[in-house]
All heavy atoms as atom14 arrays in JSON, in Angstrom:
{
  "sequence": "TVKILSQNATVYHIDDIQNMIGKVDVMILCGGSATDLPHQTPA",
  "atom14_mask": [
    [1, 1, 1, 1, 1, 1, 1, 0, 0, 0, 0, 0, 0, 0],
    [1, 1, 1, 1, 1, 1, 1, 0, 0, 0, 0, 0, 0, 0],
    [1, 1, 1, 1, 1, 1, 1, 1, 1, 0, 0, 0, 0, 0],
    [1, 1, 1, 1, 1, 1, 1, 1, 0, 0, 0, 0, 0, 0],
    [1, 1, 1, 1, 1, 1, 1, 1, 0, 0, 0, 0, 0, 0],
    [1, 1, 1, 1, 1, 1, 0, 0, 0, 0, 0, 0, 0, 0],
    [1, 1, 1, 1, 1, 1, 1, 1, 1, 0, 0, 0, 0, 0],
    [1, 1, 1, 1, 1, 1, 1, 1, 0, 0, 0, 0, 0, 0],
    [1, 1, 1, 1, 1, 0, 0, 0, 0, 0, 0, 0, 0, 0],
    [1, 1, 1, 1, 1, 1, 1, 0, 0, 0, 0, 0, 0, 0],
    [1, 1, 1, 1, 1, 1, 1, 0, 0, 0, 0, 0, 0, 0],
    [1, 1, 1, 1, 1, 1, 1, 1, 1, 1, 1, 1, 0, 0],
    [1, 1, 1, 1, 1, 1, 1, 1, 1, 1, 0, 0, 0, 0],
    [1, 1, 1, 1, 1, 1, 1, 1, 0, 0, 0, 0, 0, 0],
    [1, 1, 1, 1, 1, 1, 1, 1, 0, 0, 0, 0, 0, 0],
    [1, 1, 1, 1, 1, 1, 1, 1, 0, 0, 0, 0, 0, 0],
    [1, 1, 1, 1, 1, 1, 1, 1, 0, 0, 0, 0, 0, 0],
    [1, 1, 1, 1, 1, 1, 1, 1, 1, 0, 0, 0, 0, 0],
    [1, 1, 1, 1, 1, 1, 1, 1, 0, 0, 0, 0, 0, 0],
    [1, 1, 1, 1, 1, 1, 1, 1, 0, 0, 0, 0, 0, 0],
    [1, 1, 1, 1, 1, 1, 1, 1, 0, 0, 0, 0, 0, 0],
    [1, 1, 1, 1, 0, 0, 0, 0, 0, 0, 0, 0, 0, 0],
    [1, 1, 1, 1, 1, 1, 1, 1, 1, 0, 0, 0, 0, 0],
    [1, 1, 1, 1, 1, 1, 1, 0, 0, 0, 0, 0, 0, 0],
    [1, 1, 1, 1, 1, 1, 1, 1, 0, 0, 0, 0, 0, 0],
    [1, 1, 1, 1, 1, 1, 1, 0, 0, 0, 0, 0, 0, 0],
    [1, 1, 1, 1, 1, 1, 1, 1, 0, 0, 0, 0, 0, 0],
    [1, 1, 1, 1, 1, 1, 1, 1, 0, 0, 0, 0, 0, 0],
    [1, 1, 1, 1, 1, 1, 1, 1, 0, 0, 0, 0, 0, 0],
    [1, 1, 1, 1, 1, 1, 0, 0, 0, 0, 0, 0, 0, 0],
    [1, 1, 1, 1, 0, 0, 0, 0, 0, 0, 0, 0, 0, 0],
    [1, 1, 1, 1, 0, 0, 0, 0, 0, 0, 0, 0, 0, 0],
    [1, 1, 1, 1, 1, 1, 0, 0, 0, 0, 0, 0, 0, 0],
    [1, 1, 1, 1, 1, 0, 0, 0, 0, 0, 0, 0, 0, 0],
    [1, 1, 1, 1, 1, 1, 1, 0, 0, 0, 0, 0, 0, 0],
    [1, 1, 1, 1, 1, 1, 1, 1, 0, 0, 0, 0, 0, 0],
    [1, 1, 1, 1, 1, 1, 1, 1, 0, 0, 0, 0, 0, 0],
    [1, 1, 1, 1, 1, 1, 1, 0, 0, 0, 0, 0, 0, 0],
    [1, 1, 1, 1, 1, 1, 1, 1, 1, 1, 0, 0, 0, 0],
    [1, 1, 1, 1, 1, 1, 1, 1, 1, 0, 0, 0, 0, 0],
    [1, 1, 1, 1, 1, 1, 1, 0, 0, 0, 0, 0, 0, 0],
    [1, 1, 1, 1, 1, 1, 1, 0, 0, 0, 0, 0, 0, 0],
    [1, 1, 1, 1, 1, 0, 0, 0, 0, 0, 0, 0, 0, 0]
  ],
  "atom14_positions": [
    [[101.42, -87.49, 43.71], [101.66, -86.88, 42.41], [100.6, -85.89, 42.0], [100.73, -85.22, 40.97], [101.8, -87.96, 41.3], [100.52, -88.58, 41.12], [102.84, -89.0, 41.71], [0.0, 0.0, 0.0], [0.0, 0.0, 0.0], [0.0, 0.0, 0.0], [0.0, 0.0, 0.0], [0.0, 0.0, 0.0], [0.0, 0.0, 0.0], [0.0, 0.0, 0.0]],
    [[99.53, -85.81, 42.73], [98.37, -84.94, 42.39], [98.42, -83.67, 43.24], [98.3, -83.71, 44.46], [97.03, -85.66, 42.61], [95.86, -84.74, 42.3], [96.95, -86.92, 41.74], [0.0, 0.0, 0.0], [0.0, 0.0, 0.0], [0.0, 0.0, 0.0], [0.0, 0.0, 0.0], [0.0, 0.0, 0.0], [0.0, 0.0, 0.0], [0.0, 0.0, 0.0]],
    [[98.63, -82.54, 42.58], [98.74, -81.26, 43.26], [97.42, -80.52, 43.06], [96.98, -80.25, 41.95], [99.9, -80.44, 42.7], [101.24, -81.17, 42.74], [101.58, -81.6, 44.15], [102.92, -82.37, 44.17], [103.21, -82.93, 45.52], [0.0, 0.0, 0.0], [0.0, 0.0, 0.0], [0.0, 0.0, 0.0], [0.0, 0.0, 0.0], [0.0, 0.0, 0.0]],
    [[96.75, -80.17, 44.16], [95.48, -79.45, 44.09], [95.68, -78.01, 44.54], [96.71, -77.67, 45.14], [94.38, -80.16, 44.92], [94.78, -80.17, 46.42], [94.19, -81.57, 44.43], [93.7, -80.75, 47.33], [0.0, 0.0, 0.0], [0.0, 0.0, 0.0], [0.0, 0.0, 0.0], [0.0, 0.0, 0.0], [0.0, 0.0, 0.0], [0.0, 0.0, 0.0]],
    [[94.66, -77.16, 44.29], [94.77, -75.78, 44.64], [94.43, -75.51, 46.1], [94.94, -74.6, 46.73], [93.77, -74.94, 43.75], [94.01, -75.01, 42.25], [92.88, -74.27, 41.52], [95.36, -74.41, 41.9], [0.0, 0.0, 0.0], [0.0, 0.0, 0.0], [0.0, 0.0, 0.0], [0.0, 0.0, 0.0], [0.0, 0.0, 0.0], [0.0, 0.0, 0.0]],
    [[93.54, -76.31, 46.67], [93.03, -76.11, 48.03], [94.07, -76.44, 49.1], [94.71, -77.5, 49.01], [91.77, -76.93, 48.23], [90.81, -76.67, 47.26], [0.0, 0.0, 0.0], [0.0, 0.0, 0.0], [0.0, 0.0, 0.0], [0.0, 0.0, 0.0], [0.0, 0.0, 0.0], [0.0, 0.0, 0.0], [0.0, 0.0, 0.0], [0.0, 0.0, 0.0]],
    [[94.18, -75.57, 50.05], [95.17, -75.78, 51.12], [94.66, -76.69, 52.22], [95.46, -77.34, 52.9], [95.56, -74.4, 51.74], [96.16, -73.43, 50.77], [97.5, -73.9, 50.21], [98.34, -74.41, 50.95], [97.69, -73.73, 48.92], [0.0, 0.0, 0.0], [0.0, 0.0, 0.0], [0.0, 0.0, 0.0], [0.0, 0.0, 0.0], [0.0, 0.0, 0.0]],
    [[93.34, -76.77, 52.4], [92.78, -77.49, 53.54], [92.18, -78.84, 53.18], [91.49, -79.44, 54.02], [91.74, -76.63, 54.21], [92.31, -75.31, 54.75], [93.43, -75.3, 55.3], [91.58, -74.23, 54.6], [0.0, 0.0, 0.0], [0.0, 0.0, 0.0], [0.0, 0.0, 0.0], [0.0, 0.0, 0.0], [0.0, 0.0, 0.0], [0.0, 0.0, 0.0]],
    [[92.39, -79.28, 51.97], [91.88, -80.6, 51.55], [93.04, -81.55, 51.33], [94.19, -81.16, 51.13], [91.09, -80.47, 50.25], [0.0, 0.0, 0.0], [0.0, 0.0, 0.0], [0.0, 0.0, 0.0], [0.0, 0.0, 0.0], [0.0, 0.0, 0.0], [0.0, 0.0, 0.0], [0.0, 0.0, 0.0], [0.0, 0.0, 0.0], [0.0, 0.0, 0.0]],
    [[92.75, -82.86, 51.41], [93.75, -83.9, 51.29], [93.46, -84.78, 50.11], [92.3, -85.06, 49.78], [93.77, -84.76, 52.57], [93.97, -83.91, 53.71], [94.89, -85.76, 52.51], [0.0, 0.0, 0.0], [0.0, 0.0, 0.0], [0.0, 0.0, 0.0], [0.0, 0.0, 0.0], [0.0, 0.0, 0.0], [0.0, 0.0, 0.0], [0.0, 0.0, 0.0]],
    [[94.5, -85.25, 49.45], [94.36, -86.17, 48.29], [94.56, -87.59, 48.77], [95.52, -87.89, 49.49], [95.39, -85.85, 47.16], [95.2, -86.8, 45.99], [95.26, -84.4, 46.71], [0.0, 0.0, 0.0], [0.0, 0.0, 0.0], [0.0, 0.0, 0.0], [0.0, 0.0, 0.0], [0.0, 0.0, 0.0], [0.0, 0.0, 0.0], [0.0, 0.0, 0.0]],
    [[93.6, -88.46, 48.44], [93.64, -89.88, 48.83], [93.55, -90.74, 47.59], [92.99, -90.33, 46.55], [92.47, -90.22, 49.76], [92.45, -89.46, 51.05], [91.63, -88.35, 51.18], [93.18, -89.89, 52.16], [91.57, -87.65, 52.39], [93.13, -89.2, 53.36], [92.3, -88.05, 53.46], [92.25, -87.39, 54.64], [0.0, 0.0, 0.0], [0.0, 0.0, 0.0]],
    [[93.98, -91.97, 47.7], [93.75, -92.97, 46.65], [92.27, -93.37, 46.71], [91.7, -93.44, 47.81], [94.64, -94.18, 46.75], [94.65, -95.05, 45.55], [93.73, -96.04, 45.34], [95.46, -95.04, 44.46], [93.98, -96.6, 44.19], [95.01, -96.01, 43.61], [0.0, 0.0, 0.0], [0.0, 0.0, 0.0], [0.0, 0.0, 0.0], [0.0, 0.0, 0.0]],
    [[91.71, -93.64, 45.56], [90.26, -93.96, 45.53], [89.96, -95.22, 46.34], [88.85, -95.37, 46.84], [89.79, -94.07, 44.06], [88.26, -94.04, 44.02], [90.37, -95.31, 43.39], [87.69, -93.9, 42.62], [0.0, 0.0, 0.0], [0.0, 0.0, 0.0], [0.0, 0.0, 0.0], [0.0, 0.0, 0.0], [0.0, 0.0, 0.0], [0.0, 0.0, 0.0]],
    [[90.92, -96.1, 46.5], [90.68, -97.3, 47.27], [90.43, -97.01, 48.75], [89.9, -97.86, 49.49], [91.84, -98.28, 47.16], [91.99, -98.91, 45.78], [91.02, -98.81, 44.99], [93.05, -99.44, 45.47], [0.0, 0.0, 0.0], [0.0, 0.0, 0.0], [0.0, 0.0, 0.0], [0.0, 0.0, 0.0], [0.0, 0.0, 0.0], [0.0, 0.0, 0.0]],
    [[90.79, -95.79, 49.2], [90.63, -95.41, 50.61], [89.35, -94.6, 50.85], [89.14, -94.06, 51.94], [91.82, -94.58, 51.07], [93.12, -95.34, 50.99], [93.1, -96.57, 51.25], [94.18, -94.77, 50.67], [0.0, 0.0, 0.0], [0.0, 0.0, 0.0], [0.0, 0.0, 0.0], [0.0, 0.0, 0.0], [0.0, 0.0, 0.0], [0.0, 0.0, 0.0]],
    [[88.44, -94.6, 49.87], [87.3, -93.69, 49.97], [86.35, -94.04, 51.14], [85.8, -93.13, 51.79], [86.52, -93.71, 48.62], [85.55, -92.49, 48.55], [85.77, -95.01, 48.41], [84.99, -92.27, 47.15], [0.0, 0.0, 0.0], [0.0, 0.0, 0.0], [0.0, 0.0, 0.0], [0.0, 0.0, 0.0], [0.0, 0.0, 0.0], [0.0, 0.0, 0.0]],
    [[86.25, -95.34, 51.48], [85.33, -95.68, 52.56], [85.82, -95.23, 53.93], [85.04, -95.15, 54.87], [85.08, -97.2, 52.57], [84.28, -97.68, 51.39], [83.95, -99.17, 51.48], [83.6, -99.67, 52.58], [84.05, -99.85, 50.39], [0.0, 0.0, 0.0], [0.0, 0.0, 0.0], [0.0, 0.0, 0.0], [0.0, 0.0, 0.0], [0.0, 0.0, 0.0]],
    [[87.12, -94.86, 54.04], [87.63, -94.31, 55.27], [87.04, -92.94, 55.59], [87.15, -92.46, 56.73], [89.15, -94.19, 55.23], [89.85, -95.55, 55.14], [89.25, -96.58, 55.51], [91.06, -95.58, 54.61], [0.0, 0.0, 0.0], [0.0, 0.0, 0.0], [0.0, 0.0, 0.0], [0.0, 0.0, 0.0], [0.0, 0.0, 0.0], [0.0, 0.0, 0.0]],
    [[86.39, -92.32, 54.59], [85.84, -90.98, 54.78], [84.35, -91.0, 55.08], [83.69, -89.95, 55.09], [86.11, -90.13, 53.53], [87.6, -89.93, 53.28], [88.44, -89.08, 54.65], [87.77, -87.4, 54.47], [0.0, 0.0, 0.0], [0.0, 0.0, 0.0], [0.0, 0.0, 0.0], [0.0, 0.0, 0.0], [0.0, 0.0, 0.0], [0.0, 0.0, 0.0]],
    [[83.76, -92.18, 55.31], [82.33, -92.24, 55.68], [82.12, -91.41, 56.98], [82.86, -91.56, 57.94], [81.9, -93.69, 55.88], [81.94, -94.44, 54.55], [80.48, -93.76, 56.49], [81.63, -95.93, 54.66], [0.0, 0.0, 0.0], [0.0, 0.0, 0.0], [0.0, 0.0, 0.0], [0.0, 0.0, 0.0], [0.0, 0.0, 0.0], [0.0, 0.0, 0.0]],
    [[81.14, -90.55, 56.94], [80.9, -89.7, 58.06], [81.65, -88.37, 58.05], [81.35, -87.46, 58.84], [0.0, 0.0, 0.0], [0.0, 0.0, 0.0], [0.0, 0.0, 0.0], [0.0, 0.0, 0.0], [0.0, 0.0, 0.0], [0.0, 0.0, 0.0], [0.0, 0.0, 0.0], [0.0, 0.0, 0.0], [0.0, 0.0, 0.0], [0.0, 0.0, 0.0]],
    [[82.62, -88.25, 57.14], [83.44, -87.04, 57.07], [83.15, -86.23, 55.82], [83.62, -85.1, 55.7], [84.93, -87.41, 57.12], [85.31, -88.17, 58.35], [86.77, -88.61, 58.3], [87.15, -89.44, 59.52], [88.56, -89.95, 59.47], [0.0, 0.0, 0.0], [0.0, 0.0, 0.0], [0.0, 0.0, 0.0], [0.0, 0.0, 0.0], [0.0, 0.0, 0.0]],
    [[82.39, -86.8, 54.86], [82.02, -86.13, 53.64], [80.51, -86.23, 53.47], [79.94, -87.31, 53.61], [82.75, -86.78, 52.41], [82.16, -86.24, 51.11], [84.25, -86.49, 52.44], [0.0, 0.0, 0.0], [0.0, 0.0, 0.0], [0.0, 0.0, 0.0], [0.0, 0.0, 0.0], [0.0, 0.0, 0.0], [0.0, 0.0, 0.0], [0.0, 0.0, 0.0]],
    [[79.9, -85.12, 53.2], [78.42, -85.11, 53.01], [78.01, -85.54, 51.62], [77.02, -86.28, 51.45], [77.86, -83.71, 53.3], [78.13, -83.25, 54.72], [77.81, -84.06, 55.65], [78.59, -82.13, 54.92], [0.0, 0.0, 0.0], [0.0, 0.0, 0.0], [0.0, 0.0, 0.0], [0.0, 0.0, 0.0], [0.0, 0.0, 0.0], [0.0, 0.0, 0.0]],
    [[78.71, -85.06, 50.59], [78.38, -85.38, 49.19], [79.67, -85.6, 48.42], [80.59, -84.81, 48.48], [77.58, -84.23, 48.53], [77.19, -84.64, 47.11], [76.35, -83.85, 49.35], [0.0, 0.0, 0.0], [0.0, 0.0, 0.0], [0.0, 0.0, 0.0], [0.0, 0.0, 0.0], [0.0, 0.0, 0.0], [0.0, 0.0, 0.0], [0.0, 0.0, 0.0]],
    [[79.69, -86.72, 47.67], [80.78, -86.96, 46.74], [80.36, -86.51, 45.35], [79.29, -86.91, 44.86], [81.11, -88.48, 46.68], [81.76, -89.01, 47.93], [83.48, -88.47, 48.06], [83.96, -89.4, 49.56], [0.0, 0.0, 0.0], [0.0, 0.0, 0.0], [0.0, 0.0, 0.0], [0.0, 0.0, 0.0], [0.0, 0.0, 0.0], [0.0, 0.0, 0.0]],
    [[81.18, -85.68, 44.72], [80.95, -85.27, 43.34], [81.87, -86.11, 42.45], [83.1, -86.04, 42.58], [81.23, -83.75, 43.14], [80.24, -82.96, 44.0], [81.07, -83.39, 41.68], [80.39, -81.44, 43.88], [0.0, 0.0, 0.0], [0.0, 0.0, 0.0], [0.0, 0.0, 0.0], [0.0, 0.0, 0.0], [0.0, 0.0, 0.0], [0.0, 0.0, 0.0]],
    [[81.23, -86.89, 41.55], [81.99, -87.83, 40.77], [82.34, -87.23, 39.4], [81.43, -86.83, 38.66], [81.18, -89.13, 40.55], [80.61, -89.75, 41.85], [79.95, -91.07, 41.56], [81.66, -89.89, 42.93], [0.0, 0.0, 0.0], [0.0, 0.0, 0.0], [0.0, 0.0, 0.0], [0.0, 0.0, 0.0], [0.0, 0.0, 0.0], [0.0, 0.0, 0.0]],
    [[83.61, -87.19, 39.08], [84.09, -86.45, 37.91], [84.73, -87.35, 36.86], [85.54, -86.92, 36.06], [85.08, -85.38, 38.35], [84.37, -84.16, 39.49], [0.0, 0.0, 0.0], [0.0, 0.0, 0.0], [0.0, 0.0, 0.0], [0.0, 0.0, 0.0], [0.0, 0.0, 0.0], [0.0, 0.0, 0.0], [0.0, 0.0, 0.0], [0.0, 0.0, 0.0]],
    [[84.37, -88.63, 36.85], [84.86, -89.54, 35.85], [84.09, -89.45, 34.55], [83.13, -88.67, 34.43], [0.0, 0.0, 0.0], [0.0, 0.0, 0.0], [0.0, 0.0, 0.0], [0.0, 0.0, 0.0], [0.0, 0.0, 0.0], [0.0, 0.0, 0.0], [0.0, 0.0, 0.0], [0.0, 0.0, 0.0], [0.0, 0.0, 0.0], [0.0, 0.0, 0.0]],
    [[84.47, -90.27, 33.58], [83.83, -90.26, 32.28], [82.61, -91.15, 32.24], [82.48, -92.13, 32.97], [0.0, 0.0, 0.0], [0.0, 0.0, 0.0], [0.0, 0.0, 0.0], [0.0, 0.0, 0.0], [0.0, 0.0, 0.0], [0.0, 0.0, 0.0], [0.0, 0.0, 0.0], [0.0, 0.0, 0.0], [0.0, 0.0, 0.0], [0.0, 0.0, 0.0]],
    [[81.67, -90.8, 31.36], [80.42, -91.53, 31.24], [80.58, -92.89, 30.57], [79.78, -93.79, 30.79], [79.38, -90.72, 30.47], [79.06, -89.55, 31.17], [0.0, 0.0, 0.0], [0.0, 0.0, 0.0], [0.0, 0.0, 0.0], [0.0, 0.0, 0.0], [0.0, 0.0, 0.0], [0.0, 0.0, 0.0], [0.0, 0.0, 0.0], [0.0, 0.0, 0.0]],
    [[81.59, -93.03, 29.73], [81.75, -94.26, 28.98], [82.16, -95.44, 29.85], [81.54, -96.52, 29.81], [82.78, -94.07, 27.86], [0.0, 0.0, 0.0], [0.0, 0.0, 0.0], [0.0, 0.0, 0.0], [0.0, 0.0, 0.0], [0.0, 0.0, 0.0], [0.0, 0.0, 0.0], [0.0, 0.0, 0.0], [0.0, 0.0, 0.0], [0.0, 0.0, 0.0]],
    [[83.18, -95.24, 30.7], [83.71, -96.37, 31.46], [83.76, -96.17, 32.96], [83.79, -97.16, 33.71], [85.15, -96.7, 30.97], [85.96, -95.52, 31.11], [85.13, -97.1, 29.51], [0.0, 0.0, 0.0], [0.0, 0.0, 0.0], [0.0, 0.0, 0.0], [0.0, 0.0, 0.0], [0.0, 0.0, 0.0], [0.0, 0.0, 0.0], [0.0, 0.0, 0.0]],
    [[83.74, -94.93, 33.44], [83.9, -94.69, 34.88], [82.58, -94.68, 35.64], [82.34, -95.47, 36.55], [84.62, -93.36, 35.13], [86.04, -93.35, 34.62], [86.69, -94.39, 34.64], [86.52, -92.29, 34.2], [0.0, 0.0, 0.0], [0.0, 0.0, 0.0], [0.0, 0.0, 0.0], [0.0, 0.0, 0.0], [0.0, 0.0, 0.0], [0.0, 0.0, 0.0]],
    [[81.68, -93.77, 35.27], [80.47, -93.53, 36.06], [79.52, -94.71, 36.14], [78.89, -94.91, 37.21], [79.74, -92.29, 35.55], [80.56, -90.97, 35.63], [79.76, -89.81, 35.09], [80.95, -90.68, 37.1], [0.0, 0.0, 0.0], [0.0, 0.0, 0.0], [0.0, 0.0, 0.0], [0.0, 0.0, 0.0], [0.0, 0.0, 0.0], [0.0, 0.0, 0.0]],
    [[79.37, -95.55, 35.08], [78.47, -96.68, 35.22], [78.82, -97.61, 36.36], [77.95, -98.26, 36.94], [78.58, -97.39, 33.87], [78.96, -96.31, 32.9], [79.89, -95.41, 33.71], [0.0, 0.0, 0.0], [0.0, 0.0, 0.0], [0.0, 0.0, 0.0], [0.0, 0.0, 0.0], [0.0, 0.0, 0.0], [0.0, 0.0, 0.0], [0.0, 0.0, 0.0]],
    [[80.11, -97.65, 36.72], [80.54, -98.48, 37.84], [80.74, -97.68, 39.12], [80.31, -98.11, 40.19], [81.86, -99.18, 37.46], [81.8, -99.93, 36.14], [81.07, -101.09, 35.99], [82.32, -99.63, 34.93], [81.16, -101.5, 34.73], [81.92, -100.65, 34.06], [0.0, 0.0, 0.0], [0.0, 0.0, 0.0], [0.0, 0.0, 0.0], [0.0, 0.0, 0.0]],
    [[81.34, -96.49, 38.97], [81.66, -95.73, 40.17], [80.45, -95.2, 40.91], [80.37, -95.24, 42.15], [82.58, -94.55, 39.79], [83.99, -94.93, 39.48], [84.87, -93.7, 39.22], [84.35, -92.58, 39.1], [86.16, -93.91, 39.07], [0.0, 0.0, 0.0], [0.0, 0.0, 0.0], [0.0, 0.0, 0.0], [0.0, 0.0, 0.0], [0.0, 0.0, 0.0]],
    [[79.48, -94.66, 40.18], [78.35, -94.02, 40.84], [77.58, -94.99, 41.73], [77.34, -94.69, 42.91], [77.43, -93.32, 39.84], [78.2, -92.43, 39.04], [76.34, -92.54, 40.57], [0.0, 0.0, 0.0], [0.0, 0.0, 0.0], [0.0, 0.0, 0.0], [0.0, 0.0, 0.0], [0.0, 0.0, 0.0], [0.0, 0.0, 0.0], [0.0, 0.0, 0.0]],
    [[77.13, -96.16, 41.23], [76.45, -97.08, 42.13], [77.33, -97.6, 43.26], [76.87, -97.78, 44.37], [75.95, -98.21, 41.2], [76.69, -98.06, 39.93], [77.08, -96.63, 39.81], [0.0, 0.0, 0.0], [0.0, 0.0, 0.0], [0.0, 0.0, 0.0], [0.0, 0.0, 0.0], [0.0, 0.0, 0.0], [0.0, 0.0, 0.0], [0.0, 0.0, 0.0]],
    [[78.62, -97.83, 42.97], [79.5, -98.35, 44.0], [79.67, -97.37, 45.14], [79.61, -97.75, 46.32], [80.88, -98.7, 43.37], [0.0, 0.0, 0.0], [0.0, 0.0, 0.0], [0.0, 0.0, 0.0], [0.0, 0.0, 0.0], [0.0, 0.0, 0.0], [0.0, 0.0, 0.0], [0.0, 0.0, 0.0], [0.0, 0.0, 0.0], [0.0, 0.0, 0.0]]
  ]
}
């Protein structure tokens, strides 16, 4: 259901993020500071 602009990137569910170890150099986290980032960034 998520349509992105980039032609060469793929959309994944966040639960599958560890499958990309070694394939991504840096993750940019775009969640909110109130409830998302305090948990997502350290995880």
